[in-house]
Amino acid sequence: MPEAASRRRAVAAALAGTTIWGVSYSITKRTLAEVDPLAVAFARAAGATPFFCLLLLARQGRGAFTWAALRRAAPLGLLGITLNQLLFIIGLSRTTASHSALLFATIPVFVLLIAVVGRQESLTLARGAGLLLAFGGVALVALEKGFDWRQELVGGDLITLGGALSFAAYTVAGKAVLRELGPLRTTALAYVAGGGAVVIIAAPAAAAQHWGAVSAPALLGLGYAVVFGTMISYLLYYFALARLDPSQTAAFTYIQPVIAALVAWRFAGESLTPNFLLGGALVLGGVLLAERA
């Protein structure tokens, strides 16, 4: 395949994956109106874990599943899948789709902060300014209705930030493992540990869920979250990552909260307040400054 055509396909894949993720916030939020958050987490993990394992088996054979590799990937699974997915879905159930997408856009800032604390990277003036801008934007968005711990929105935003922090820790801790095992093997083995833990934790909620009372739109939303939001989006991401520089692939993440906010405004009735728009601009500007400095 000519290089230009391969690049165009990679860009199309990255844009498609970003769009799927951006749309999924509102769709999943709609599902959460009828389905327990932990039941949703159960469905995602129960679907994605065998999917990625079968994909790894088909691509690399049984030799890819070793105890040594599983031990390397297991801590990443607990951070990037167990904690991240549970905090994400619980947080989304208590906040808005647009807030959730914007707060998850802070992952690169948390990655930098963890790397600086761990003395893996230095904190320059520009990076420090980016951190302050991003977190100032987060505060502006999270506290637009005032600060009150009892407000569900504030609690949901804080839980969502915890999910972003756990994925950032996964990113930093996973650099060496990704170099050693590769992205597909790392993801599949991380799902064995992390997805397995989610299934165990969330199984009681899934069993208690009255599935017969769930409407067709909510079930379709759940199917979208599992098939498109978890499986297909990751395949598109890996396709793009193999053909584009990591920084080029990461640039598409800036589009995700914009798509999520527009979809939530147009189809879910969420309002785009001045606080949200200004805070969102500060977050994305801060992330861009911190990453590129």
C-alpha atoms as a PDB file:
ATOM      1  CA  MET A   1       0.000   0.000   0.000  1.00  0.00           C
ATOM      2  CA  PRO A   2       1.479   3.423  -0.971  1.00  0.00           C
ATOM      3  CA  GLU A   3       2.543   5.505   2.002  1.00  0.00           C
ATOM      4  CA  ALA A   4       0.090   8.343   1.284  1.00  0.00           C
ATOM      5  CA  ALA A   5      -2.875   5.945   1.033  1.00  0.00           C
ATOM      6  CA  SER A   6      -1.792   4.163   4.224  1.00  0.00           C
ATOM      7  CA  ARG A   7      -1.589   7.482   6.049  1.00  0.00           C
ATOM      8  CA  ARG A   8      -5.036   8.538   4.842  1.00  0.00           C
ATOM      9  CA  ARG A   9      -6.510   5.279   6.113  1.00  0.00           C
ATOM     10  CA  ALA A  10      -4.733   5.713   9.442  1.00  0.00           C
ATOM     11  CA  VAL A  11      -6.084   9.255   9.828  1.00  0.00           C
ATOM     12  CA  ALA A  12      -9.581   8.013   8.911  1.00  0.00           C
ATOM     13  CA  ALA A  13      -9.268   5.225  11.513  1.00  0.00           C
ATOM     14  CA  ALA A  14      -8.110   7.644  14.220  1.00  0.00           C
ATOM     15  CA  LEU A  15     -10.947  10.048  13.405  1.00  0.00           C
ATOM     16  CA  ALA A  16     -13.507   7.216  13.395  1.00  0.00           C
ATOM     17  CA  GLY A  17     -12.283   5.911  16.762  1.00  0.00           C
ATOM     18  CA  THR A  18     -12.347   9.408  18.249  1.00  0.00           C
ATOM     19  CA  THR A  19     -15.893   9.950  16.975  1.00  0.00           C
ATOM     20  CA  ILE A  20     -17.061   6.599  18.392  1.00  0.00           C
ATOM     21  CA  TRP A  21     -15.622   7.489  21.804  1.00  0.00           C
ATOM     22  CA  GLY A  22     -17.046  11.026  21.663  1.00  0.00           C
ATOM     23  CA  VAL A  23     -20.547   9.783  20.855  1.00  0.00           C
ATOM     24  CA  SER A  24     -20.374   6.993  23.441  1.00  0.00           C
ATOM     25  CA  TYR A  25     -20.570   9.381  26.417  1.00  0.00           C
ATOM     26  CA  SER A  26     -24.161  10.421  25.647  1.00  0.00           C
ATOM     27  CA  ILE A  27     -25.217   6.930  24.582  1.00  0.00           C
ATOM     28  CA  THR A  28     -23.797   5.361  27.746  1.00  0.00           C
ATOM     29  CA  LYS A  29     -25.330   8.126  29.864  1.00  0.00           C
ATOM     30  CA  ARG A  30     -28.733   7.260  28.358  1.00  0.00           C
ATOM     31  CA  THR A  31     -28.198   3.581  29.217  1.00  0.00           C
ATOM     32  CA  LEU A  32     -27.297   4.481  32.801  1.00  0.00           C
ATOM     33  CA  ALA A  33     -30.786   5.918  33.263  1.00  0.00           C
ATOM     34  CA  GLU A  34     -32.054   2.313  33.307  1.00  0.00           C
ATOM     35  CA  VAL A  35     -29.054   0.076  33.998  1.00  0.00           C
ATOM     36  CA  ASP A  36     -26.905  -0.027  37.147  1.00  0.00           C
ATOM     37  CA  PRO A  37     -23.408   1.399  36.486  1.00  0.00           C
ATOM     38  CA  LEU A  38     -21.727  -1.781  37.719  1.00  0.00           C
ATOM     39  CA  ALA A  39     -23.943  -3.884  35.437  1.00  0.00           C
ATOM     40  CA  VAL A  40     -22.725  -1.775  32.509  1.00  0.00           C
ATOM     41  CA  ALA A  41     -19.118  -2.278  33.644  1.00  0.00           C
ATOM     42  CA  PHE A  42     -19.762  -6.019  33.879  1.00  0.00           C
ATOM     43  CA  ALA A  43     -21.080  -6.148  30.303  1.00  0.00           C
ATOM     44  CA  ARG A  44     -18.088  -4.224  28.940  1.00  0.00           C
ATOM     45  CA  ALA A  45     -15.532  -6.406  30.715  1.00  0.00           C
ATOM     46  CA  ALA A  46     -17.356  -9.674  29.990  1.00  0.00           C
ATOM     47  CA  GLY A  47     -17.450  -8.793  26.294  1.00  0.00           C
ATOM     48  CA  ALA A  48     -14.030  -7.213  25.828  1.00  0.00           C
ATOM     49  CA  THR A  49     -11.925  -9.721  27.804  1.00  0.00           C
ATOM     50  CA  PRO A  50     -12.640 -12.798  25.628  1.00  0.00           C
ATOM     51  CA  PHE A  51     -12.610 -10.614  22.498  1.00  0.00           C
ATOM     52  CA  PHE A  52      -9.067  -9.355  23.023  1.00  0.00           C
ATOM     53  CA  CYS A  53      -7.860 -12.770  24.190  1.00  0.00           C
ATOM     54  CA  LEU A  54      -9.237 -14.454  21.054  1.00  0.00           C
ATOM     55  CA  LEU A  55      -7.735 -11.710  18.899  1.00  0.00           C
ATOM     56  CA  LEU A  56      -4.326 -12.199  20.528  1.00  0.00           C
ATOM     57  CA  LEU A  57      -4.638 -15.968  20.096  1.00  0.00           C
ATOM     58  CA  ALA A  58      -5.416 -15.543  16.396  1.00  0.00           C
ATOM     59  CA  ARG A  59      -2.570 -13.071  15.816  1.00  0.00           C
ATOM     60  CA  GLN A  60       0.217 -14.475  18.007  1.00  0.00           C
ATOM     61  CA  GLY A  61      -0.815 -17.988  19.064  1.00  0.00           C
ATOM     62  CA  ARG A  62      -0.896 -19.685  22.451  1.00  0.00           C
ATOM     63  CA  GLY A  63       2.725 -18.747  23.129  1.00  0.00           C
ATOM     64  CA  ALA A  64       1.599 -15.182  23.823  1.00  0.00           C
ATOM     65  CA  PHE A  65      -0.151 -16.357  27.002  1.00  0.00           C
ATOM     66  CA  THR A  66       2.651 -16.935  29.514  1.00  0.00           C
ATOM     67  CA  TRP A  67       2.637 -16.509  33.297  1.00  0.00           C
ATOM     68  CA  ALA A  68       5.615 -14.155  33.088  1.00  0.00           C
ATOM     69  CA  ALA A  69       3.827 -11.881  30.606  1.00  0.00           C
ATOM     70  CA  LEU A  70       0.595 -12.035  32.594  1.00  0.00           C
ATOM     71  CA  ARG A  71       2.437 -10.998  35.772  1.00  0.00           C
ATOM     72  CA  ARG A  72       3.897  -8.034  33.869  1.00  0.00           C
ATOM     73  CA  ALA A  73       0.518  -6.923  32.524  1.00  0.00           C
ATOM     74  CA  ALA A  74      -1.646  -7.643  35.593  1.00  0.00           C
ATOM     75  CA  PRO A  75      -0.823  -4.449  37.548  1.00  0.00           C
ATOM     76  CA  LEU A  76      -1.599  -2.435  34.423  1.00  0.00           C
ATOM     77  CA  GLY A  77      -4.953  -4.184  34.156  1.00  0.00           C
ATOM     78  CA  LEU A  78      -5.867  -3.240  37.717  1.00  0.00           C
ATOM     79  CA  LEU A  79      -4.982   0.412  37.026  1.00  0.00           C
ATOM     80  CA  GLY A  80      -6.117   0.931  33.441  1.00  0.00           C
ATOM     81  CA  ILE A  81      -9.113  -1.396  33.341  1.00  0.00           C
ATOM     82  CA  THR A  82     -10.420  -2.219  36.825  1.00  0.00           C
ATOM     83  CA  LEU A  83     -10.031   1.201  38.456  1.00  0.00           C
ATOM     84  CA  ASN A  84     -10.421   3.219  35.267  1.00  0.00           C
ATOM     85  CA  GLN A  85     -13.594   1.542  34.003  1.00  0.00           C
ATOM     86  CA  LEU A  86     -15.291   1.392  37.397  1.00  0.00           C
ATOM     87  CA  LEU A  87     -14.526   5.022  38.241  1.00  0.00           C
ATOM     88  CA  PHE A  88     -15.472   6.136  34.725  1.00  0.00           C
ATOM     89  CA  ILE A  89     -18.888   4.486  34.711  1.00  0.00           C
ATOM     90  CA  ILE A  90     -19.745   5.443  38.308  1.00  0.00           C
ATOM     91  CA  GLY A  91     -18.591   9.009  37.660  1.00  0.00           C
ATOM     92  CA  LEU A  92     -20.594   9.247  34.419  1.00  0.00           C
ATOM     93  CA  SER A  93     -23.726   8.105  36.257  1.00  0.00           C
ATOM     94  CA  ARG A  94     -23.378  11.133  38.564  1.00  0.00           C
ATOM     95  CA  THR A  95     -22.220  13.846  36.156  1.00  0.00           C
ATOM     96  CA  THR A  96     -22.968  14.946  32.600  1.00  0.00           C
ATOM     97  CA  ALA A  97     -21.603  13.411  29.401  1.00  0.00           C
ATOM     98  CA  SER A  98     -19.866  16.658  28.442  1.00  0.00           C
ATOM     99  CA  HIS A  99     -18.216  17.010  31.871  1.00  0.00           C
ATOM    100  CA  SER A 100     -17.012  13.393  31.762  1.00  0.00           C
ATOM    101  CA  ALA A 101     -15.436  13.749  28.314  1.00  0.00           C
ATOM    102  CA  LEU A 102     -13.713  17.010  29.214  1.00  0.00           C
ATOM    103  CA  LEU A 103     -12.345  15.666  32.500  1.00  0.00           C
ATOM    104  CA  PHE A 104     -10.926  12.601  30.766  1.00  0.00           C
ATOM    105  CA  ALA A 105      -9.118  14.956  28.400  1.00  0.00           C
ATOM    106  CA  THR A 106      -6.848  15.805  31.367  1.00  0.00           C
ATOM    107  CA  ILE A 107      -5.168  12.376  31.162  1.00  0.00           C
ATOM    108  CA  PRO A 108      -2.038  13.771  29.394  1.00  0.00           C
ATOM    109  CA  VAL A 109      -1.686  16.369  32.173  1.00  0.00           C
ATOM    110  CA  PHE A 110      -1.869  13.670  34.849  1.00  0.00           C
ATOM    111  CA  VAL A 111       0.669  11.624  32.866  1.00  0.00           C
ATOM    112  CA  LEU A 112       3.084  14.566  32.942  1.00  0.00           C
ATOM    113  CA  LEU A 113       2.425  15.218  36.641  1.00  0.00           C
ATOM    114  CA  ILE A 114       3.112  11.575  37.581  1.00  0.00           C
ATOM    115  CA  ALA A 115       6.259  11.538  35.447  1.00  0.00           C
ATOM    116  CA  VAL A 116       7.504  14.740  37.117  1.00  0.00           C
ATOM    117  CA  VAL A 117       6.785  13.416  40.634  1.00  0.00           C
ATOM    118  CA  GLY A 118       8.560  10.163  39.701  1.00  0.00           C
ATOM    119  CA  ARG A 119      11.504  12.200  38.356  1.00  0.00           C
ATOM    120  CA  GLN A 120      11.085  10.706  34.897  1.00  0.00           C
ATOM    121  CA  GLU A 121      10.587  14.166  33.350  1.00  0.00           C
ATOM    122  CA  SER A 122      11.436  17.730  34.340  1.00  0.00           C
ATOM    123  CA  LEU A 123       8.901  20.471  35.022  1.00  0.00           C
ATOM    124  CA  THR A 124       9.610  23.455  32.772  1.00  0.00           C
ATOM    125  CA  LEU A 125       7.937  26.842  33.046  1.00  0.00           C
ATOM    126  CA  ALA A 126       5.745  26.127  30.021  1.00  0.00           C
ATOM    127  CA  ARG A 127       4.702  22.728  31.357  1.00  0.00           C
ATOM    128  CA  GLY A 128       3.905  24.225  34.743  1.00  0.00           C
ATOM    129  CA  ALA A 129       1.768  26.863  33.070  1.00  0.00           C
ATOM    130  CA  GLY A 130      -0.025  24.135  31.127  1.00  0.00           C
ATOM    131  CA  LEU A 131      -0.769  22.231  34.338  1.00  0.00           C
ATOM    132  CA  LEU A 132      -2.151  25.339  36.029  1.00  0.00           C
ATOM    133  CA  LEU A 133      -4.286  26.213  33.002  1.00  0.00           C
ATOM    134  CA  ALA A 134      -5.717  22.697  32.713  1.00  0.00           C
ATOM    135  CA  PHE A 135      -6.565  22.305  36.389  1.00  0.00           C
ATOM    136  CA  GLY A 136      -7.933  25.854  36.502  1.00  0.00           C
ATOM    137  CA  GLY A 137     -10.265  24.858  33.674  1.00  0.00           C
ATOM    138  CA  VAL A 138     -11.289  21.708  35.536  1.00  0.00           C
ATOM    139  CA  ALA A 139     -12.127  23.777  38.641  1.00  0.00           C
ATOM    140  CA  LEU A 140     -14.143  26.238  36.547  1.00  0.00           C
ATOM    141  CA  VAL A 141     -16.204  23.435  35.008  1.00  0.00           C
ATOM    142  CA  ALA A 142     -16.624  21.310  38.136  1.00  0.00           C
ATOM    143  CA  LEU A 143     -17.596  24.219  40.379  1.00  0.00           C
ATOM    144  CA  GLU A 144     -19.864  26.132  37.967  1.00  0.00           C
ATOM    145  CA  LYS A 145     -22.805  25.576  40.347  1.00  0.00           C
ATOM    146  CA  GLY A 146     -20.805  26.292  43.483  1.00  0.00           C
ATOM    147  CA  PHE A 147     -18.821  23.993  45.761  1.00  0.00           C
ATOM    148  CA  ASP A 148     -20.882  21.548  47.772  1.00  0.00           C
ATOM    149  CA  TRP A 149     -19.673  18.002  48.490  1.00  0.00           C
ATOM    150  CA  ARG A 150     -23.316  16.904  48.636  1.00  0.00           C
ATOM    151  CA  GLN A 151     -23.921  17.927  45.032  1.00  0.00           C
ATOM    152  CA  GLU A 152     -24.013  14.817  42.855  1.00  0.00           C
ATOM    153  CA  LEU A 153     -22.352  16.687  39.973  1.00  0.00           C
ATOM    154  CA  VAL A 154     -19.327  17.633  42.073  1.00  0.00           C
ATOM    155  CA  GLY A 155     -18.973  14.068  43.379  1.00  0.00           C
ATOM    156  CA  GLY A 156     -19.346  12.648  39.874  1.00  0.00           C
ATOM    157  CA  ASP A 157     -16.678  14.997  38.529  1.00  0.00           C
ATOM    158  CA  LEU A 158     -14.244  14.033  41.312  1.00  0.00           C
ATOM    159  CA  ILE A 159     -14.846  10.313  40.695  1.00  0.00           C
ATOM    160  CA  THR A 160     -14.312  10.898  36.971  1.00  0.00           C
ATOM    161  CA  LEU A 161     -11.029  12.668  37.694  1.00  0.00           C
ATOM    162  CA  GLY A 162     -10.028   9.605  39.716  1.00  0.00           C
ATOM    163  CA  GLY A 163     -10.664   7.495  36.614  1.00  0.00           C
ATOM    164  CA  ALA A 164      -8.513   9.832  34.518  1.00  0.00           C
ATOM    165  CA  LEU A 165      -5.744   9.647  37.129  1.00  0.00           C
ATOM    166  CA  SER A 166      -5.833   5.839  37.186  1.00  0.00           C
ATOM    167  CA  PHE A 167      -5.513   5.683  33.378  1.00  0.00           C
ATOM    168  CA  ALA A 168      -2.643   8.181  33.510  1.00  0.00           C
ATOM    169  CA  ALA A 169      -0.881   5.937  36.048  1.00  0.00           C
ATOM    170  CA  TYR A 170      -1.512   2.996  33.703  1.00  0.00           C
ATOM    171  CA  THR A 171       0.065   4.966  30.848  1.00  0.00           C
ATOM    172  CA  VAL A 172       3.208   5.849  32.801  1.00  0.00           C
ATOM    173  CA  ALA A 173       3.618   2.387  34.368  1.00  0.00           C
ATOM    174  CA  GLY A 174       2.897   0.663  31.063  1.00  0.00           C
ATOM    175  CA  LYS A 175       5.615   2.263  28.911  1.00  0.00           C
ATOM    176  CA  ALA A 176       8.201  -0.447  29.567  1.00  0.00           C
ATOM    177  CA  VAL A 177       5.631  -3.251  29.325  1.00  0.00           C
ATOM    178  CA  LEU A 178       4.310  -1.912  26.013  1.00  0.00           C
ATOM    179  CA  ARG A 179       7.840  -1.869  24.587  1.00  0.00           C
ATOM    180  CA  GLU A 180       8.355  -5.451  25.748  1.00  0.00           C
ATOM    181  CA  LEU A 181       5.001  -7.049  24.897  1.00  0.00           C
ATOM    182  CA  GLY A 182       3.520  -4.742  22.273  1.00  0.00           C
ATOM    183  CA  PRO A 183       0.118  -2.983  22.469  1.00  0.00           C
ATOM    184  CA  LEU A 184      -2.170  -5.909  21.557  1.00  0.00           C
ATOM    185  CA  ARG A 185      -0.525  -8.425  23.905  1.00  0.00           C
ATOM    186  CA  THR A 186      -0.376  -5.885  26.729  1.00  0.00           C
ATOM    187  CA  THR A 187      -4.057  -4.981  26.294  1.00  0.00           C
ATOM    188  CA  ALA A 188      -5.265  -8.583  26.082  1.00  0.00           C
ATOM    189  CA  LEU A 189      -3.296  -9.744  29.128  1.00  0.00           C
ATOM    190  CA  ALA A 190      -4.256  -6.615  31.063  1.00  0.00           C
ATOM    191  CA  TYR A 191      -7.887  -7.472  30.358  1.00  0.00           C
ATOM    192  CA  VAL A 192      -7.364 -10.995  31.733  1.00  0.00           C
ATOM    193  CA  ALA A 193      -6.435  -9.499  35.108  1.00  0.00           C
ATOM    194  CA  GLY A 194      -8.273  -6.162  35.093  1.00  0.00           C
ATOM    195  CA  GLY A 195     -11.339  -7.282  33.154  1.00  0.00           C
ATOM    196  CA  GLY A 196     -11.556 -10.415  35.279  1.00  0.00           C
ATOM    197  CA  ALA A 197     -11.533  -8.262  38.418  1.00  0.00           C
ATOM    198  CA  VAL A 198     -14.327  -6.062  37.025  1.00  0.00           C
ATOM    199  CA  VAL A 199     -16.428  -9.154  36.244  1.00  0.00           C
ATOM    200  CA  ILE A 200     -16.001 -10.444  39.811  1.00  0.00           C
ATOM    201  CA  ILE A 201     -16.727  -7.053  41.431  1.00  0.00           C
ATOM    202  CA  ALA A 202     -19.679  -6.193  39.199  1.00  0.00           C
ATOM    203  CA  ALA A 203     -21.279  -9.660  38.889  1.00  0.00           C
ATOM    204  CA  PRO A 204     -23.702  -9.138  41.827  1.00  0.00           C
ATOM    205  CA  ALA A 205     -25.003  -5.900  40.279  1.00  0.00           C
ATOM    206  CA  ALA A 206     -25.406  -7.581  36.886  1.00  0.00           C
ATOM    207  CA  ALA A 207     -27.289 -10.487  38.491  1.00  0.00           C
ATOM    208  CA  ALA A 208     -29.569  -8.116  40.417  1.00  0.00           C
ATOM    209  CA  GLN A 209     -30.360  -6.000  37.350  1.00  0.00           C
ATOM    210  CA  HIS A 210     -33.931  -6.459  36.071  1.00  0.00           C
ATOM    211  CA  TRP A 211     -32.929  -6.902  32.435  1.00  0.00           C
ATOM    212  CA  GLY A 212     -36.491  -7.621  31.317  1.00  0.00           C
ATOM    213  CA  ALA A 213     -37.518  -4.103  32.323  1.00  0.00           C
ATOM    214  CA  VAL A 214     -34.728  -2.413  30.371  1.00  0.00           C
ATOM    215  CA  SER A 215     -35.973  -0.674  27.221  1.00  0.00           C
ATOM    216  CA  ALA A 216     -34.706  -1.437  23.718  1.00  0.00           C
ATOM    217  CA  PRO A 217     -32.886   1.935  23.377  1.00  0.00           C
ATOM    218  CA  ALA A 218     -31.006   1.308  26.635  1.00  0.00           C
ATOM    219  CA  LEU A 219     -30.025  -2.220  25.528  1.00  0.00           C
ATOM    220  CA  LEU A 220     -28.872  -0.880  22.167  1.00  0.00           C
ATOM    221  CA  GLY A 221     -26.827   1.725  24.038  1.00  0.00           C
ATOM    222  CA  LEU A 222     -25.252  -1.002  26.142  1.00  0.00           C
ATOM    223  CA  GLY A 223     -24.421  -2.943  22.979  1.00  0.00           C
ATOM    224  CA  TYR A 224     -22.846   0.185  21.493  1.00  0.00           C
ATOM    225  CA  ALA A 225     -20.707   0.685  24.621  1.00  0.00           C
ATOM    226  CA  VAL A 226     -19.455  -2.914  24.468  1.00  0.00           C
ATOM    227  CA  VAL A 227     -19.008  -3.441  20.711  1.00  0.00           C
ATOM    228  CA  PHE A 228     -18.155   0.023  19.415  1.00  0.00           C
ATOM    229  CA  GLY A 229     -16.970   1.894  22.517  1.00  0.00           C
ATOM    230  CA  THR A 230     -14.673  -0.900  23.665  1.00  0.00           C
ATOM    231  CA  MET A 231     -13.838  -3.363  20.867  1.00  0.00           C
ATOM    232  CA  ILE A 232     -14.000  -1.587  17.509  1.00  0.00           C
ATOM    233  CA  SER A 233     -12.632   1.713  18.828  1.00  0.00           C
ATOM    234  CA  TYR A 234      -9.531  -0.027  20.219  1.00  0.00           C
ATOM    235  CA  LEU A 235      -8.950  -1.834  16.906  1.00  0.00           C
ATOM    236  CA  LEU A 236      -9.185   1.475  15.041  1.00  0.00           C
ATOM    237  CA  TYR A 237      -6.808   3.061  17.560  1.00  0.00           C
ATOM    238  CA  TYR A 238      -4.202   0.304  17.131  1.00  0.00           C
ATOM    239  CA  PHE A 239      -4.543   0.468  13.329  1.00  0.00           C
ATOM    240  CA  ALA A 240      -3.827   4.214  13.464  1.00  0.00           C
ATOM    241  CA  LEU A 241      -1.042   3.862  16.046  1.00  0.00           C
ATOM    242  CA  ALA A 242       0.817   1.398  13.813  1.00  0.00           C
ATOM    243  CA  ARG A 243       0.859   3.914  10.930  1.00  0.00           C
ATOM    244  CA  LEU A 244       1.091   7.322  12.618  1.00  0.00           C
ATOM    245  CA  ASP A 245       3.446   8.815  15.190  1.00  0.00           C
ATOM    246  CA  PRO A 246       2.086   8.554  18.777  1.00  0.00           C
ATOM    247  CA  SER A 247       1.905  12.355  19.001  1.00  0.00           C
ATOM    248  CA  GLN A 248      -0.166  12.478  15.802  1.00  0.00           C
ATOM    249  CA  THR A 249      -2.547   9.820  17.124  1.00  0.00           C
ATOM    250  CA  ALA A 250      -2.809  11.594  20.489  1.00  0.00           C
ATOM    251  CA  ALA A 251      -3.756  14.851  18.750  1.00  0.00           C
ATOM    252  CA  PHE A 252      -7.136  13.336  17.914  1.00  0.00           C
ATOM    253  CA  THR A 253      -7.950  13.155  21.627  1.00  0.00           C
ATOM    254  CA  TYR A 254      -8.430  16.940  21.592  1.00  0.00           C
ATOM    255  CA  ILE A 255     -11.402  16.457  19.259  1.00  0.00           C
ATOM    256  CA  GLN A 256     -13.103  13.905  21.532  1.00  0.00           C
ATOM    257  CA  PRO A 257     -14.508  16.251  24.220  1.00  0.00           C
ATOM    258  CA  VAL A 258     -15.676  18.646  21.500  1.00  0.00           C
ATOM    259  CA  ILE A 259     -17.623  15.846  19.788  1.00  0.00           C
ATOM    260  CA  ALA A 260     -18.961  14.625  23.141  1.00  0.00           C
ATOM    261  CA  ALA A 261     -20.131  18.113  24.177  1.00  0.00           C
ATOM    262  CA  LEU A 262     -21.827  18.802  20.821  1.00  0.00           C
ATOM    263  CA  VAL A 263     -23.592  15.422  20.822  1.00  0.00           C
ATOM    264  CA  ALA A 264     -24.704  15.889  24.449  1.00  0.00           C
ATOM    265  CA  TRP A 265     -25.998  19.393  23.636  1.00  0.00           C
ATOM    266  CA  ARG A 266     -27.812  18.380  20.443  1.00  0.00           C
ATOM    267  CA  PHE A 267     -29.251  15.004  21.426  1.00  0.00           C
ATOM    268  CA  ALA A 268     -29.151  14.754  25.238  1.00  0.00           C
ATOM    269  CA  GLY A 269     -30.310  18.265  26.077  1.00  0.00           C
ATOM    270  CA  GLU A 270     -27.191  19.217  28.028  1.00  0.00           C
ATOM    271  CA  SER A 271     -26.443  22.948  28.176  1.00  0.00           C
ATOM    272  CA  LEU A 272     -23.114  24.433  27.108  1.00  0.00           C
ATOM    273  CA  THR A 273     -22.739  27.110  29.774  1.00  0.00           C
ATOM    274  CA  PRO A 274     -20.168  29.940  29.607  1.00  0.00           C
ATOM    275  CA  ASN A 275     -18.301  28.269  32.489  1.00  0.00           C
ATOM    276  CA  PHE A 276     -18.104  25.004  30.567  1.00  0.00           C
ATOM    277  CA  LEU A 277     -16.965  26.645  27.325  1.00  0.00           C
ATOM    278  CA  LEU A 278     -14.299  28.776  29.043  1.00  0.00           C
ATOM    279  CA  GLY A 279     -13.199  25.919  31.305  1.00  0.00           C
ATOM    280  CA  GLY A 280     -13.063  23.547  28.330  1.00  0.00           C
ATOM    281  CA  ALA A 281     -10.866  25.988  26.397  1.00  0.00           C
ATOM    282  CA  LEU A 282      -8.522  26.276  29.407  1.00  0.00           C
ATOM    283  CA  VAL A 283      -8.326  22.486  29.820  1.00  0.00           C
ATOM    284  CA  LEU A 284      -7.572  21.781  26.157  1.00  0.00           C
ATOM    285  CA  GLY A 285      -5.169  24.713  25.925  1.00  0.00           C
ATOM    286  CA  GLY A 286      -3.372  23.603  29.082  1.00  0.00           C
ATOM    287  CA  VAL A 287      -3.117  20.009  27.879  1.00  0.00           C
ATOM    288  CA  LEU A 288      -1.710  21.158  24.539  1.00  0.00           C
ATOM    289  CA  LEU A 289       0.820  23.462  26.227  1.00  0.00           C
ATOM    290  CA  ALA A 290       1.926  20.829  28.749  1.00  0.00           C
ATOM    291  CA  GLU A 291       2.301  18.123  26.069  1.00  0.00           C
ATOM    292  CA  ARG A 292       4.152  20.200  23.477  1.00  0.00           C
ATOM    293  CA  ALA A 293       6.435  22.199  25.780  1.00  0.00           C
END
